[in-house]
Amino acid sequence: MTQPALRTEQQAARQALVDAFVNGNDDTRRTIADLHGDRTNAIKDAVSDGEVSR
């Protein structure tokens, strides 16, 4: 996979995770938090800072 394609795939994966967190129910959020720990706080911060679209 080329570097630009990999970057695009990573961005899509990050956006999907954010979408699941923002649109998910409490169980979904809890699962994401369990799986990603501190990364979830970084995701919430990125969403609140407008770095990632909702």
PDB file of N, CA and C in Angstrom:
ATOM      1  N   MET A   1       0.857  -1.177   0.000  1.00  0.00           N
ATOM      2  CA  MET A   1       0.000   0.000   0.000  1.00  0.00           C
ATOM      3  C   MET A   1       0.903   1.241   0.000  1.00  0.00           C
ATOM      4  N   THR A   2       0.557   2.193  -0.830  1.00  0.00           N
ATOM      5  CA  THR A   2       1.364   3.405  -0.899  1.00  0.00           C
ATOM      6  C   THR A   2       1.125   4.266   0.331  1.00  0.00           C
ATOM      7  N   GLN A   3       2.059   5.147   0.606  1.00  0.00           N
ATOM      8  CA  GLN A   3       1.951   6.008   1.788  1.00  0.00           C
ATOM      9  C   GLN A   3       0.678   6.858   1.781  1.00  0.00           C
ATOM     10  N   PRO A   4       0.339   7.523   0.661  1.00  0.00           N
ATOM     11  CA  PRO A   4      -0.913   8.306   0.664  1.00  0.00           C
ATOM     12  C   PRO A   4      -2.153   7.440   0.883  1.00  0.00           C
ATOM     13  N   ALA A   5      -2.165   6.250   0.303  1.00  0.00           N
ATOM     14  CA  ALA A   5      -3.317   5.359   0.489  1.00  0.00           C
ATOM     15  C   ALA A   5      -3.415   4.915   1.945  1.00  0.00           C
ATOM     16  N   LEU A   6      -2.288   4.628   2.562  1.00  0.00           N
ATOM     17  CA  LEU A   6      -2.271   4.228   3.968  1.00  0.00           C
ATOM     18  C   LEU A   6      -2.760   5.373   4.843  1.00  0.00           C
ATOM     19  N   ARG A   7      -2.306   6.585   4.546  1.00  0.00           N
ATOM     20  CA  ARG A   7      -2.733   7.757   5.312  1.00  0.00           C
ATOM     21  C   ARG A   7      -4.244   7.941   5.196  1.00  0.00           C
ATOM     22  N   THR A   8      -4.779   7.802   3.993  1.00  0.00           N
ATOM     23  CA  THR A   8      -6.216   7.945   3.776  1.00  0.00           C
ATOM     24  C   THR A   8      -6.983   6.883   4.552  1.00  0.00           C
ATOM     25  N   GLU A   9      -6.473   5.657   4.538  1.00  0.00           N
ATOM     26  CA  GLU A   9      -7.128   4.571   5.265  1.00  0.00           C
ATOM     27  C   GLU A   9      -7.092   4.823   6.772  1.00  0.00           C
ATOM     28  N   GLN A  10      -5.987   5.335   7.270  1.00  0.00           N
ATOM     29  CA  GLN A  10      -5.876   5.652   8.697  1.00  0.00           C
ATOM     30  C   GLN A  10      -6.843   6.771   9.076  1.00  0.00           C
ATOM     31  N   GLN A  11      -6.952   7.780   8.237  1.00  0.00           N
ATOM     32  CA  GLN A  11      -7.883   8.873   8.514  1.00  0.00           C
ATOM     33  C   GLN A  11      -9.320   8.363   8.525  1.00  0.00           C
ATOM     34  N   ALA A  12      -9.661   7.485   7.601  1.00  0.00           N
ATOM     35  CA  ALA A  12     -11.009   6.922   7.548  1.00  0.00           C
ATOM     36  C   ALA A  12     -11.293   6.091   8.799  1.00  0.00           C
ATOM     37  N   ALA A  13     -10.296   5.342   9.242  1.00  0.00           N
ATOM     38  CA  ALA A  13     -10.469   4.524  10.453  1.00  0.00           C
ATOM     39  C   ALA A  13     -10.661   5.410  11.675  1.00  0.00           C
ATOM     40  N   ARG A  14      -9.876   6.484  11.775  1.00  0.00           N
ATOM     41  CA  ARG A  14     -10.034   7.412  12.907  1.00  0.00           C
ATOM     42  C   ARG A  14     -11.412   8.054  12.885  1.00  0.00           C
ATOM     43  N   GLN A  15     -11.857   8.468  11.700  1.00  0.00           N
ATOM     44  CA  GLN A  15     -13.172   9.110  11.598  1.00  0.00           C
ATOM     45  C   GLN A  15     -14.280   8.123  11.963  1.00  0.00           C
ATOM     46  N   ALA A  16     -14.146   6.869  11.564  1.00  0.00           N
ATOM     47  CA  ALA A  16     -15.150   5.852  11.894  1.00  0.00           C
ATOM     48  C   ALA A  16     -15.214   5.642  13.402  1.00  0.00           C
ATOM     49  N   LEU A  17     -14.059   5.640  14.053  1.00  0.00           N
ATOM     50  CA  LEU A  17     -14.029   5.478  15.511  1.00  0.00           C
ATOM     51  C   LEU A  17     -14.693   6.673  16.200  1.00  0.00           C
ATOM     52  N   VAL A  18     -14.396   7.865  15.730  1.00  0.00           N
ATOM     53  CA  VAL A  18     -15.012   9.065  16.298  1.00  0.00           C
ATOM     54  C   VAL A  18     -16.520   9.030  16.076  1.00  0.00           C
ATOM     55  N   ASP A  19     -16.940   8.658  14.864  1.00  0.00           N
ATOM     56  CA  ASP A  19     -18.378   8.581  14.574  1.00  0.00           C
ATOM     57  C   ASP A  19     -19.065   7.582  15.496  1.00  0.00           C
ATOM     58  N   ALA A  20     -18.437   6.432  15.698  1.00  0.00           N
ATOM     59  CA  ALA A  20     -19.016   5.414  16.580  1.00  0.00           C
ATOM     60  C   ALA A  20     -19.122   5.940  18.001  1.00  0.00           C
ATOM     61  N   PHE A  21     -18.104   6.677  18.427  1.00  0.00           N
ATOM     62  CA  PHE A  21     -18.131   7.227  19.784  1.00  0.00           C
ATOM     63  C   PHE A  21     -19.212   8.294  19.923  1.00  0.00           C
ATOM     64  N   VAL A  22     -19.254   9.219  18.981  1.00  0.00           N
ATOM     65  CA  VAL A  22     -20.198  10.339  19.059  1.00  0.00           C
ATOM     66  C   VAL A  22     -21.636   9.848  18.921  1.00  0.00           C
ATOM     67  N   ASN A  23     -21.869   8.907  18.016  1.00  0.00           N
ATOM     68  CA  ASN A  23     -23.233   8.453  17.717  1.00  0.00           C
ATOM     69  C   ASN A  23     -23.653   7.225  18.522  1.00  0.00           C
ATOM     70  N   GLY A  24     -22.721   6.638  19.239  1.00  0.00           N
ATOM     71  CA  GLY A  24     -23.012   5.395  19.939  1.00  0.00           C
ATOM     72  C   GLY A  24     -23.756   5.600  21.245  1.00  0.00           C
ATOM     73  N   ASN A  25     -24.269   4.503  21.739  1.00  0.00           N
ATOM     74  CA  ASN A  25     -24.919   4.542  23.042  1.00  0.00           C
ATOM     75  C   ASN A  25     -23.862   4.387  24.134  1.00  0.00           C
ATOM     76  N   ASP A  26     -24.292   4.361  25.381  1.00  0.00           N
ATOM     77  CA  ASP A  26     -23.329   4.281  26.487  1.00  0.00           C
ATOM     78  C   ASP A  26     -22.473   3.018  26.422  1.00  0.00           C
ATOM     79  N   ASP A  27     -23.079   1.900  26.032  1.00  0.00           N
ATOM     80  CA  ASP A  27     -22.316   0.653  25.927  1.00  0.00           C
ATOM     81  C   ASP A  27     -21.221   0.763  24.871  1.00  0.00           C
ATOM     82  N   THR A  28     -21.562   1.383  23.736  1.00  0.00           N
ATOM     83  CA  THR A  28     -20.570   1.569  22.673  1.00  0.00           C
ATOM     84  C   THR A  28     -19.431   2.446  23.171  1.00  0.00           C
ATOM     85  N   ARG A  29     -19.755   3.538  23.830  1.00  0.00           N
ATOM     86  CA  ARG A  29     -18.714   4.440  24.343  1.00  0.00           C
ATOM     87  C   ARG A  29     -17.840   3.734  25.374  1.00  0.00           C
ATOM     88  N   ARG A  30     -18.467   2.947  26.242  1.00  0.00           N
ATOM     89  CA  ARG A  30     -17.721   2.229  27.267  1.00  0.00           C
ATOM     90  C   ARG A  30     -16.764   1.218  26.622  1.00  0.00           C
ATOM     91  N   THR A  31     -17.238   0.524  25.588  1.00  0.00           N
ATOM     92  CA  THR A  31     -16.391  -0.445  24.884  1.00  0.00           C
ATOM     93  C   THR A  31     -15.215   0.249  24.225  1.00  0.00           C
ATOM     94  N   ILE A  32     -15.471   1.370  23.557  1.00  0.00           N
ATOM     95  CA  ILE A  32     -14.389   2.118  22.914  1.00  0.00           C
ATOM     96  C   ILE A  32     -13.399   2.595  23.972  1.00  0.00           C
ATOM     97  N   ALA A  33     -13.904   3.083  25.082  1.00  0.00           N
ATOM     98  CA  ALA A  33     -13.023   3.555  26.153  1.00  0.00           C
ATOM     99  C   ALA A  33     -12.180   2.404  26.698  1.00  0.00           C
ATOM    100  N   ASP A  34     -12.794   1.239  26.876  1.00  0.00           N
ATOM    101  CA  ASP A  34     -12.041   0.082  27.366  1.00  0.00           C
ATOM    102  C   ASP A  34     -10.957  -0.330  26.383  1.00  0.00           C
ATOM    103  N   LEU A  35     -11.285  -0.304  25.105  1.00  0.00           N
ATOM    104  CA  LEU A  35     -10.328  -0.747  24.088  1.00  0.00           C
ATOM    105  C   LEU A  35      -9.206   0.254  23.856  1.00  0.00           C
ATOM    106  N   HIS A  36      -9.505   1.519  24.016  1.00  0.00           N
ATOM    107  CA  HIS A  36      -8.543   2.544  23.618  1.00  0.00           C
ATOM    108  C   HIS A  36      -8.009   3.405  24.755  1.00  0.00           C
ATOM    109  N   GLY A  37      -8.540   3.230  25.924  1.00  0.00           N
ATOM    110  CA  GLY A  37      -8.008   3.930  27.087  1.00  0.00           C
ATOM    111  C   GLY A  37      -7.824   5.415  26.863  1.00  0.00           C
ATOM    112  N   ASP A  38      -6.612   5.887  27.053  1.00  0.00           N
ATOM    113  CA  ASP A  38      -6.316   7.310  26.953  1.00  0.00           C
ATOM    114  C   ASP A  38      -6.557   7.860  25.552  1.00  0.00           C
ATOM    115  N   ARG A  39      -6.509   7.013  24.542  1.00  0.00           N
ATOM    116  CA  ARG A  39      -6.760   7.492  23.183  1.00  0.00           C
ATOM    117  C   ARG A  39      -8.167   8.049  23.060  1.00  0.00           C
ATOM    118  N   THR A  40      -9.102   7.486  23.821  1.00  0.00           N
ATOM    119  CA  THR A  40     -10.479   7.979  23.763  1.00  0.00           C
ATOM    120  C   THR A  40     -10.543   9.429  24.227  1.00  0.00           C
ATOM    121  N   ASN A  41      -9.779   9.751  25.254  1.00  0.00           N
ATOM    122  CA  ASN A  41      -9.751  11.147  25.704  1.00  0.00           C
ATOM    123  C   ASN A  41      -9.183  12.038  24.611  1.00  0.00           C
ATOM    124  N   ALA A  42      -8.190  11.554  23.901  1.00  0.00           N
ATOM    125  CA  ALA A  42      -7.623  12.326  22.791  1.00  0.00           C
ATOM    126  C   ALA A  42      -8.665  12.504  21.684  1.00  0.00           C
ATOM    127  N   ILE A  43      -9.457  11.469  21.443  1.00  0.00           N
ATOM    128  CA  ILE A  43     -10.509  11.564  20.422  1.00  0.00           C
ATOM    129  C   ILE A  43     -11.560  12.589  20.843  1.00  0.00           C
ATOM    130  N   LYS A  44     -11.994  12.512  22.097  1.00  0.00           N
ATOM    131  CA  LYS A  44     -12.997  13.478  22.577  1.00  0.00           C
ATOM    132  C   LYS A  44     -12.447  14.897  22.485  1.00  0.00           C
ATOM    133  N   ASP A  45     -11.176  15.080  22.836  1.00  0.00           N
ATOM    134  CA  ASP A  45     -10.557  16.402  22.749  1.00  0.00           C
ATOM    135  C   ASP A  45     -10.504  16.879  21.300  1.00  0.00           C
ATOM    136  N   ALA A  46     -10.166  15.974  20.377  1.00  0.00           N
ATOM    137  CA  ALA A  46     -10.091  16.347  18.960  1.00  0.00           C
ATOM    138  C   ALA A  46     -11.463  16.748  18.444  1.00  0.00           C
ATOM    139  N   VAL A  47     -12.507  16.035  18.874  1.00  0.00           N
ATOM    140  CA  VAL A  47     -13.863  16.381  18.453  1.00  0.00           C
ATOM    141  C   VAL A  47     -14.256  17.735  19.022  1.00  0.00           C
ATOM    142  N   SER A  48     -13.997  17.941  20.305  1.00  0.00           N
ATOM    143  CA  SER A  48     -14.406  19.207  20.923  1.00  0.00           C
ATOM    144  C   SER A  48     -13.608  20.384  20.386  1.00  0.00           C
ATOM    145  N   ASP A  49     -12.370  20.124  19.928  1.00  0.00           N
ATOM    146  CA  ASP A  49     -11.546  21.190  19.358  1.00  0.00           C
ATOM    147  C   ASP A  49     -11.841  21.420  17.880  1.00  0.00           C
ATOM    148  N   GLY A  50     -12.711  20.571  17.308  1.00  0.00           N
ATOM    149  CA  GLY A  50     -13.059  20.730  15.905  1.00  0.00           C
ATOM    150  C   GLY A  50     -12.034  20.162  14.950  1.00  0.00           C
ATOM    151  N   GLU A  51     -11.060  19.383  15.472  1.00  0.00           N
ATOM    152  CA  GLU A  51     -10.049  18.798  14.597  1.00  0.00           C
ATOM    153  C   GLU A  51     -10.621  17.662  13.763  1.00  0.00           C
ATOM    154  N   VAL A  52     -11.650  17.013  14.275  1.00  0.00           N
ATOM    155  CA  VAL A  52     -12.299  15.907  13.586  1.00  0.00           C
ATOM    156  C   VAL A  52     -13.773  16.261  13.485  1.00  0.00           C
ATOM    157  N   SER A  53     -14.360  16.038  12.316  1.00  0.00           N
ATOM    158  CA  SER A  53     -15.772  16.385  12.154  1.00  0.00           C
ATOM    159  C   SER A  53     -16.658  15.379  12.869  1.00  0.00           C
ATOM    160  N   ARG A  54     -17.802  15.838  13.286  1.00  0.00           N
ATOM    161  CA  ARG A  54     -18.759  14.944  13.968  1.00  0.00           C
ATOM    162  C   ARG A  54     -19.546  14.166  12.972  1.00  0.00           C
TER     163      ARG A  54
END
